[in-house]
Amino acid sequence: MGTHSSTIKLNVELDENRIPESLRWTAQDGGVTDEEAKAIFLSVWDAKTKESLRIDLWTKDMPVDEMKLFFHQTLVTMSDTFLRATQDEKMTATMRDFCDYFAEKLELKTK
């Protein structure tokens, strides 16, 4: 049986002060080709050092209100992923409660 390889590409254009001006990404298996993004959070688990490594980037024109929504949606997604990965329903419920609290305190309109 053959293996399949998939590539996800991030392209970051920086200004003279090395601040992101443009973020674009491609994930052909997901049907995404050179799409614009205003923010990217990428976490990678290093099994050797038992550490989470991350890249957190956003463009200088990312609106603060959209960043708050992005954070909220990322936290909700992390709760869902945590449940799929661990089957820990009790902690997932606690995480979701925090997401609701987060949205309430920031007065976010959630769907």
C-alpha atoms as a PDB file:
ATOM      1  CA  MET A   1       0.000   0.000   0.000  1.00  0.00           C
ATOM      2  CA  GLY A   2       1.425   3.394  -1.010  1.00  0.00           C
ATOM      3  CA  THR A   3       1.686   6.416   1.189  1.00  0.00           C
ATOM      4  CA  HIS A   4       0.236   9.830   0.499  1.00  0.00           C
ATOM      5  CA  SER A   5       2.043  13.062   1.236  1.00  0.00           C
ATOM      6  CA  SER A   6       0.271  16.370   1.719  1.00  0.00           C
ATOM      7  CA  THR A   7       1.832  19.821   1.889  1.00  0.00           C
ATOM      8  CA  ILE A   8       0.486  22.887   3.644  1.00  0.00           C
ATOM      9  CA  LYS A   9       2.252  26.073   2.606  1.00  0.00           C
ATOM     10  CA  LEU A  10       2.287  29.392   4.484  1.00  0.00           C
ATOM     11  CA  ASN A  11       3.578  32.517   2.763  1.00  0.00           C
ATOM     12  CA  VAL A  12       4.377  35.510   4.977  1.00  0.00           C
ATOM     13  CA  GLU A  13       5.253  38.895   3.482  1.00  0.00           C
ATOM     14  CA  LEU A  14       6.954  41.208   5.977  1.00  0.00           C
ATOM     15  CA  ASP A  15       7.426  44.967   5.977  1.00  0.00           C
ATOM     16  CA  GLU A  16      10.781  46.632   6.667  1.00  0.00           C
ATOM     17  CA  ASN A  17      10.222  46.118  10.412  1.00  0.00           C
ATOM     18  CA  ARG A  18       9.503  42.404   9.910  1.00  0.00           C
ATOM     19  CA  ILE A  19       5.794  42.870  10.710  1.00  0.00           C
ATOM     20  CA  PRO A  20       3.461  40.707   8.603  1.00  0.00           C
ATOM     21  CA  GLU A  21       1.795  42.676   5.829  1.00  0.00           C
ATOM     22  CA  SER A  22       0.322  39.712   3.998  1.00  0.00           C
ATOM     23  CA  LEU A  23      -0.418  36.103   4.931  1.00  0.00           C
ATOM     24  CA  ARG A  24      -1.380  33.541   2.291  1.00  0.00           C
ATOM     25  CA  TRP A  25      -1.818  29.804   2.551  1.00  0.00           C
ATOM     26  CA  THR A  26      -2.235  26.753   0.379  1.00  0.00           C
ATOM     27  CA  ALA A  27      -3.551  23.320   1.350  1.00  0.00           C
ATOM     28  CA  GLN A  28      -4.332  21.574  -1.893  1.00  0.00           C
ATOM     29  CA  ASP A  29      -5.869  18.509  -0.216  1.00  0.00           C
ATOM     30  CA  GLY A  30      -8.298  20.908   1.453  1.00  0.00           C
ATOM     31  CA  GLY A  31      -9.051  22.771  -1.768  1.00  0.00           C
ATOM     32  CA  VAL A  32      -7.232  25.934  -0.669  1.00  0.00           C
ATOM     33  CA  THR A  33      -4.887  27.625  -3.138  1.00  0.00           C
ATOM     34  CA  ASP A  34      -3.010  30.817  -2.232  1.00  0.00           C
ATOM     35  CA  GLU A  35      -5.830  32.197  -0.071  1.00  0.00           C
ATOM     36  CA  GLU A  36      -5.418  35.352   1.982  1.00  0.00           C
ATOM     37  CA  ALA A  37      -5.506  35.161   5.772  1.00  0.00           C
ATOM     38  CA  LYS A  38      -5.305  37.919   8.372  1.00  0.00           C
ATOM     39  CA  ALA A  39      -4.058  35.680  11.191  1.00  0.00           C
ATOM     40  CA  ILE A  40      -2.469  32.255  11.658  1.00  0.00           C
ATOM     41  CA  PHE A  41      -1.999  30.243  14.844  1.00  0.00           C
ATOM     42  CA  LEU A  42       0.016  27.086  14.296  1.00  0.00           C
ATOM     43  CA  SER A  43       0.919  24.695  17.117  1.00  0.00           C
ATOM     44  CA  VAL A  44       3.332  21.795  16.721  1.00  0.00           C
ATOM     45  CA  TRP A  45       4.075  19.152  19.349  1.00  0.00           C
ATOM     46  CA  ASP A  46       7.767  18.330  19.784  1.00  0.00           C
ATOM     47  CA  ALA A  47       7.696  14.782  21.181  1.00  0.00           C
ATOM     48  CA  LYS A  48      11.408  14.805  22.025  1.00  0.00           C
ATOM     49  CA  THR A  49      11.261  17.839  24.297  1.00  0.00           C
ATOM     50  CA  LYS A  50       7.579  17.369  25.285  1.00  0.00           C
ATOM     51  CA  GLU A  51       6.908  20.979  24.314  1.00  0.00           C
ATOM     52  CA  SER A  52       4.382  22.796  22.217  1.00  0.00           C
ATOM     53  CA  LEU A  53       5.993  25.017  19.602  1.00  0.00           C
ATOM     54  CA  ARG A  54       3.964  27.680  17.905  1.00  0.00           C
ATOM     55  CA  ILE A  55       3.797  30.362  15.300  1.00  0.00           C
ATOM     56  CA  ASP A  56       1.334  33.175  16.003  1.00  0.00           C
ATOM     57  CA  LEU A  57       1.126  35.719  13.196  1.00  0.00           C
ATOM     58  CA  TRP A  58      -1.347  38.397  12.217  1.00  0.00           C
ATOM     59  CA  THR A  59      -1.209  41.222   9.734  1.00  0.00           C
ATOM     60  CA  LYS A  60      -0.940  44.776  10.938  1.00  0.00           C
ATOM     61  CA  ASP A  61      -4.353  45.523   9.446  1.00  0.00           C
ATOM     62  CA  MET A  62      -6.115  42.709  11.350  1.00  0.00           C
ATOM     63  CA  PRO A  63      -9.003  44.454  13.150  1.00  0.00           C
ATOM     64  CA  VAL A  64      -9.044  43.962  16.931  1.00  0.00           C
ATOM     65  CA  ASP A  65     -12.727  42.963  16.897  1.00  0.00           C
ATOM     66  CA  GLU A  66     -11.944  40.231  14.357  1.00  0.00           C
ATOM     67  CA  MET A  67      -8.955  39.087  16.453  1.00  0.00           C
ATOM     68  CA  LYS A  68     -11.283  38.646  19.424  1.00  0.00           C
ATOM     69  CA  LEU A  69     -13.637  36.534  17.282  1.00  0.00           C
ATOM     70  CA  PHE A  70     -10.673  34.556  15.930  1.00  0.00           C
ATOM     71  CA  PHE A  71      -9.513  33.790  19.468  1.00  0.00           C
ATOM     72  CA  HIS A  72     -12.996  32.746  20.533  1.00  0.00           C
ATOM     73  CA  GLN A  73     -13.505  30.472  17.533  1.00  0.00           C
ATOM     74  CA  THR A  74     -10.026  28.980  18.040  1.00  0.00           C
ATOM     75  CA  LEU A  75     -10.815  28.226  21.693  1.00  0.00           C
ATOM     76  CA  VAL A  76     -14.124  26.574  20.719  1.00  0.00           C
ATOM     77  CA  THR A  77     -12.349  24.483  18.087  1.00  0.00           C
ATOM     78  CA  MET A  78      -9.658  23.493  20.593  1.00  0.00           C
ATOM     79  CA  SER A  79     -12.413  22.296  22.953  1.00  0.00           C
ATOM     80  CA  ASP A  80     -13.906  20.146  20.192  1.00  0.00           C
ATOM     81  CA  THR A  81     -10.487  18.765  19.262  1.00  0.00           C
ATOM     82  CA  PHE A  82      -9.692  18.058  22.906  1.00  0.00           C
ATOM     83  CA  LEU A  83     -12.852  15.936  23.162  1.00  0.00           C
ATOM     84  CA  ARG A  84     -12.039  14.000  19.968  1.00  0.00           C
ATOM     85  CA  ALA A  85      -8.460  13.416  21.129  1.00  0.00           C
ATOM     86  CA  THR A  86      -9.109  12.513  24.774  1.00  0.00           C
ATOM     87  CA  GLN A  87     -12.800  11.576  25.128  1.00  0.00           C
ATOM     88  CA  ASP A  88     -12.705  13.680  28.335  1.00  0.00           C
ATOM     89  CA  GLU A  89     -16.260  15.028  28.361  1.00  0.00           C
ATOM     90  CA  LYS A  90     -16.016  16.656  31.806  1.00  0.00           C
ATOM     91  CA  MET A  91     -13.000  18.802  30.944  1.00  0.00           C
ATOM     92  CA  THR A  92     -14.465  19.578  27.521  1.00  0.00           C
ATOM     93  CA  ALA A  93     -17.590  20.915  29.218  1.00  0.00           C
ATOM     94  CA  THR A  94     -15.384  23.092  31.442  1.00  0.00           C
ATOM     95  CA  MET A  95     -13.507  24.384  28.409  1.00  0.00           C
ATOM     96  CA  ARG A  96     -16.786  25.167  26.637  1.00  0.00           C
ATOM     97  CA  ASP A  97     -18.003  27.018  29.726  1.00  0.00           C
ATOM     98  CA  PHE A  98     -14.861  29.146  29.550  1.00  0.00           C
ATOM     99  CA  CYS A  99     -15.515  29.813  25.847  1.00  0.00           C
ATOM    100  CA  ASP A 100     -19.011  31.042  26.733  1.00  0.00           C
ATOM    101  CA  TYR A 101     -17.551  33.228  29.516  1.00  0.00           C
ATOM    102  CA  PHE A 102     -14.910  34.583  27.112  1.00  0.00           C
ATOM    103  CA  ALA A 103     -17.564  35.512  24.548  1.00  0.00           C
ATOM    104  CA  GLU A 104     -19.803  37.083  27.202  1.00  0.00           C
ATOM    105  CA  LYS A 105     -17.004  39.200  28.719  1.00  0.00           C
ATOM    106  CA  LEU A 106     -15.909  40.432  25.275  1.00  0.00           C
ATOM    107  CA  GLU A 107     -19.540  40.947  24.264  1.00  0.00           C
ATOM    108  CA  LEU A 108     -19.062  38.808  21.177  1.00  0.00           C
ATOM    109  CA  LYS A 109     -22.055  37.862  19.121  1.00  0.00           C
ATOM    110  CA  THR A 110     -21.795  34.090  18.755  1.00  0.00           C
ATOM    111  CA  LYS A 111     -23.697  31.823  16.413  1.00  0.00           C
END
